[in-house]
C-alpha cells in the first residue's frame, strides 16, 4: 500500500504542477495580449495626431492666406489644438499603464525565480 500511496502523491503533485504551469501560461498570454492592445491603441493615436497636424497646418495656412492676423485665435484651430493635446495626454496615460504592466511582469518573474530556488533547496 505504501508504494501506491507514494505513486498517487507523486501523481497529484505532478498534476498540480502541470495545472499551475498551464494557469501561469494562460495568465502571461492574457497580459501579453493586453499589452499588445495598448501598444496598438498608442500607434493608432499617434497616426491620428499626425493626421491632425496636417489638418491643423492646412487650417492655419488657409487662414494666413486669407489675411487672418491671428490664425491661432480661430475657433477651428483652437479645437484642433485641444484635440491634439487630449490625444497626447491619452498616450501618456497608456504609456504609464504599459510601464506598470511591465513592472508587474518583472516582479512576477523575480518571484518565480525565488520560488524555483526554494523548491530546488527543498528537494536537496
C-alpha atoms as a PDB file:
ATOM      1  CA  UNK A   1       0.000   0.000   0.000  1.00  0.00           C
ATOM      2  CA  UNK A   2       2.921   2.383   0.682  1.00  0.00           C
ATOM      3  CA  UNK A   3       4.110   2.183  -2.906  1.00  0.00           C
ATOM      4  CA  UNK A   4       0.655   3.023  -4.236  1.00  0.00           C
ATOM      5  CA  UNK A   5       0.330   5.947  -1.811  1.00  0.00           C
ATOM      6  CA  UNK A   6       3.715   7.289  -2.940  1.00  0.00           C
ATOM      7  CA  UNK A   7       2.704   6.909  -6.565  1.00  0.00           C
ATOM      8  CA  UNK A   8      -0.606   8.714  -6.000  1.00  0.00           C
ATOM      9  CA  UNK A   9       1.107  11.501  -4.063  1.00  0.00           C
ATOM     10  CA  UNK A  10       3.665  11.955  -6.838  1.00  0.00           C
ATOM     11  CA  UNK A  11       0.922  11.906  -9.448  1.00  0.00           C
ATOM     12  CA  UNK A  12      -1.096  14.557  -7.558  1.00  0.00           C
ATOM     13  CA  UNK A  13       1.979  16.761  -7.173  1.00  0.00           C
ATOM     14  CA  UNK A  14       2.764  16.416 -10.874  1.00  0.00           C
ATOM     15  CA  UNK A  15      -0.831  17.182 -11.793  1.00  0.00           C
ATOM     16  CA  UNK A  16      -0.870  20.270  -9.542  1.00  0.00           C
ATOM     17  CA  UNK A  17       2.424  21.437 -11.013  1.00  0.00           C
ATOM     18  CA  UNK A  18       1.144  20.989 -14.575  1.00  0.00           C
ATOM     19  CA  UNK A  19      -2.117  22.754 -13.706  1.00  0.00           C
ATOM     20  CA  UNK A  20      -0.175  25.675 -12.204  1.00  0.00           C
ATOM     21  CA  UNK A  21       2.011  25.832 -15.309  1.00  0.00           C
ATOM     22  CA  UNK A  22      -0.988  25.980 -17.622  1.00  0.00           C
ATOM     23  CA  UNK A  23      -2.612  28.642 -15.442  1.00  0.00           C
ATOM     24  CA  UNK A  24       0.598  30.683 -15.430  1.00  0.00           C
ATOM     25  CA  UNK A  25       0.951  30.398 -19.220  1.00  0.00           C
ATOM     26  CA  UNK A  26      -2.658  31.499 -19.726  1.00  0.00           C
ATOM     27  CA  UNK A  27      -2.134  34.474 -17.425  1.00  0.00           C
ATOM     28  CA  UNK A  28       1.039  35.505 -19.272  1.00  0.00           C
ATOM     29  CA  UNK A  29      -0.707  35.179 -22.632  1.00  0.00           C
ATOM     30  CA  UNK A  30      -3.525  37.408 -21.378  1.00  0.00           C
ATOM     31  CA  UNK A  31      -1.031  40.006 -20.112  1.00  0.00           C
ATOM     32  CA  UNK A  32       0.809  39.976 -23.432  1.00  0.00           C
ATOM     33  CA  UNK A  33      -2.466  40.330 -25.322  1.00  0.00           C
ATOM     34  CA  UNK A  34      -3.476  43.295 -23.156  1.00  0.00           C
ATOM     35  CA  UNK A  35      -0.056  44.908 -23.677  1.00  0.00           C
ATOM     36  CA  UNK A  36      -0.376  44.418 -27.425  1.00  0.00           C
ATOM     37  CA  UNK A  37      -3.808  46.091 -27.392  1.00  0.00           C
ATOM     38  CA  UNK A  38      -2.383  49.072 -25.507  1.00  0.00           C
ATOM     39  CA  UNK A  39       0.509  49.359 -27.983  1.00  0.00           C
ATOM     40  CA  UNK A  40      -1.951  49.193 -30.872  1.00  0.00           C
ATOM     41  CA  UNK A  41      -4.053  51.982 -29.321  1.00  0.00           C
ATOM     42  CA  UNK A  42      -0.919  54.111 -28.886  1.00  0.00           C
ATOM     43  CA  UNK A  43       0.042  53.510 -32.508  1.00  0.00           C
ATOM     44  CA  UNK A  44      -3.461  54.461 -33.652  1.00  0.00           C
ATOM     45  CA  UNK A  45      -3.451  57.614 -31.533  1.00  0.00           C
ATOM     46  CA  UNK A  46      -0.081  58.671 -32.978  1.00  0.00           C
ATOM     47  CA  UNK A  47      -1.412  58.239 -36.510  1.00  0.00           C
ATOM     48  CA  UNK A  48      -4.481  60.267 -35.625  1.00  0.00           C
ATOM     49  CA  UNK A  49      -2.243  63.004 -34.198  1.00  0.00           C
ATOM     50  CA  UNK A  50      -0.230  63.043 -37.432  1.00  0.00           C
ATOM     51  CA  UNK A  51      -3.427  63.492 -39.453  1.00  0.00           C
ATOM     52  CA  UNK A  52      -4.496  66.265 -37.057  1.00  0.00           C
ATOM     53  CA  UNK A  53      -1.157  68.029 -37.599  1.00  0.00           C
ATOM     54  CA  UNK A  54      -1.854  68.023 -41.325  1.00  0.00           C
ATOM     55  CA  UNK A  55      -5.362  69.379 -40.804  1.00  0.00           C
ATOM     56  CA  UNK A  56      -4.038  71.994 -38.371  1.00  0.00           C
ATOM     57  CA  UNK A  57      -1.339  73.134 -40.774  1.00  0.00           C
ATOM     58  CA  UNK A  58      -3.821  73.378 -43.634  1.00  0.00           C
ATOM     59  CA  UNK A  59      -6.252  75.389 -41.464  1.00  0.00           C
ATOM     60  CA  UNK A  60      -3.565  77.809 -40.245  1.00  0.00           C
ATOM     61  CA  UNK A  61      -2.200  78.274 -43.758  1.00  0.00           C
ATOM     62  CA  UNK A  62      -5.676  78.864 -45.203  1.00  0.00           C
ATOM     63  CA  UNK A  63      -6.402  81.479 -42.537  1.00  0.00           C
ATOM     64  CA  UNK A  64      -2.997  83.105 -43.072  1.00  0.00           C
ATOM     65  CA  UNK A  65      -3.527  83.204 -46.834  1.00  0.00           C
ATOM     66  CA  UNK A  66      -6.961  84.787 -46.293  1.00  0.00           C
ATOM     67  CA  UNK A  67      -5.294  87.607 -44.353  1.00  0.00           C
ATOM     68  CA  UNK A  68      -6.149  86.438 -40.838  1.00  0.00           C
ATOM     69  CA  UNK A  69      -3.881  88.309 -38.411  1.00  0.00           C
ATOM     70  CA  UNK A  70      -4.132  85.755 -35.605  1.00  0.00           C
ATOM     71  CA  UNK A  71      -4.889  82.319 -37.042  1.00  0.00           C
ATOM     72  CA  UNK A  72      -4.241  80.672 -33.683  1.00  0.00           C
ATOM     73  CA  UNK A  73      -7.237  82.538 -32.219  1.00  0.00           C
ATOM     74  CA  UNK A  74      -9.549  80.876 -34.747  1.00  0.00           C
ATOM     75  CA  UNK A  75     -12.158  78.537 -33.215  1.00  0.00           C
ATOM     76  CA  UNK A  76     -11.386  75.624 -35.578  1.00  0.00           C
ATOM     77  CA  UNK A  77      -7.640  75.934 -34.935  1.00  0.00           C
ATOM     78  CA  UNK A  78      -8.251  76.080 -31.177  1.00  0.00           C
ATOM     79  CA  UNK A  79     -10.350  72.925 -31.313  1.00  0.00           C
ATOM     80  CA  UNK A  80      -7.660  71.103 -33.301  1.00  0.00           C
ATOM     81  CA  UNK A  81      -5.003  72.173 -30.804  1.00  0.00           C
ATOM     82  CA  UNK A  82      -7.183  70.963 -27.928  1.00  0.00           C
ATOM     83  CA  UNK A  83      -7.850  67.646 -29.634  1.00  0.00           C
ATOM     84  CA  UNK A  84      -4.134  67.068 -30.228  1.00  0.00           C
ATOM     85  CA  UNK A  85      -3.312  67.907 -26.600  1.00  0.00           C
ATOM     86  CA  UNK A  86      -6.010  65.491 -25.375  1.00  0.00           C
ATOM     87  CA  UNK A  87      -4.667  62.687 -27.579  1.00  0.00           C
ATOM     88  CA  UNK A  88      -1.132  63.310 -26.305  1.00  0.00           C
ATOM     89  CA  UNK A  89      -2.397  63.072 -22.710  1.00  0.00           C
ATOM     90  CA  UNK A  90      -4.150  59.804 -23.514  1.00  0.00           C
ATOM     91  CA  UNK A  91      -0.925  58.418 -24.997  1.00  0.00           C
ATOM     92  CA  UNK A  92       0.955  59.389 -21.824  1.00  0.00           C
ATOM     93  CA  UNK A  93      -1.656  57.581 -19.704  1.00  0.00           C
ATOM     94  CA  UNK A  94      -1.425  54.485 -21.914  1.00  0.00           C
ATOM     95  CA  UNK A  95       2.382  54.517 -21.703  1.00  0.00           C
ATOM     96  CA  UNK A  96       2.166  54.671 -17.900  1.00  0.00           C
ATOM     97  CA  UNK A  97      -0.236  51.731 -17.903  1.00  0.00           C
ATOM     98  CA  UNK A  98       2.114  49.802 -20.162  1.00  0.00           C
ATOM     99  CA  UNK A  99       5.034  50.602 -17.857  1.00  0.00           C
ATOM    100  CA  UNK A 100       3.056  49.380 -14.835  1.00  0.00           C
ATOM    101  CA  UNK A 101       2.300  46.121 -16.629  1.00  0.00           C
ATOM    102  CA  UNK A 102       5.984  45.723 -17.383  1.00  0.00           C
ATOM    103  CA  UNK A 103       6.892  46.296 -13.720  1.00  0.00           C
ATOM    104  CA  UNK A 104       4.330  43.696 -12.622  1.00  0.00           C
ATOM    105  CA  UNK A 105       5.832  41.200 -15.099  1.00  0.00           C
ATOM    106  CA  UNK A 106       9.331  41.857 -13.734  1.00  0.00           C
ATOM    107  CA  UNK A 107       8.109  41.413 -10.139  1.00  0.00           C
ATOM    108  CA  UNK A 108       6.346  38.176 -11.098  1.00  0.00           C
ATOM    109  CA  UNK A 109       9.476  36.877 -12.818  1.00  0.00           C
ATOM    110  CA  UNK A 110      11.572  37.640  -9.728  1.00  0.00           C
ATOM    111  CA  UNK A 111       9.011  35.858  -7.535  1.00  0.00           C
ATOM    112  CA  UNK A 112       9.057  32.827  -9.841  1.00  0.00           C
ATOM    113  CA  UNK A 113      12.862  32.673  -9.656  1.00  0.00           C
ATOM    114  CA  UNK A 114      12.817  32.844  -5.851  1.00  0.00           C
ATOM    115  CA  UNK A 115      10.102  30.161  -5.677  1.00  0.00           C
ATOM    116  CA  UNK A 116      12.085  27.930  -8.042  1.00  0.00           C
ATOM    117  CA  UNK A 117      15.192  28.332  -5.871  1.00  0.00           C
ATOM    118  CA  UNK A 118      13.206  27.427  -2.742  1.00  0.00           C
ATOM    119  CA  UNK A 119      11.802  24.314  -4.433  1.00  0.00           C
ATOM    120  CA  UNK A 120      15.301  23.263  -5.537  1.00  0.00           C
ATOM    121  CA  UNK A 121      16.626  23.730  -1.990  1.00  0.00           C
ATOM    122  CA  UNK A 122      13.752  21.665  -0.573  1.00  0.00           C
ATOM    123  CA  UNK A 123      14.494  18.834  -2.988  1.00  0.00           C
ATOM    124  CA  UNK A 124      18.143  18.643  -1.883  1.00  0.00           C
END
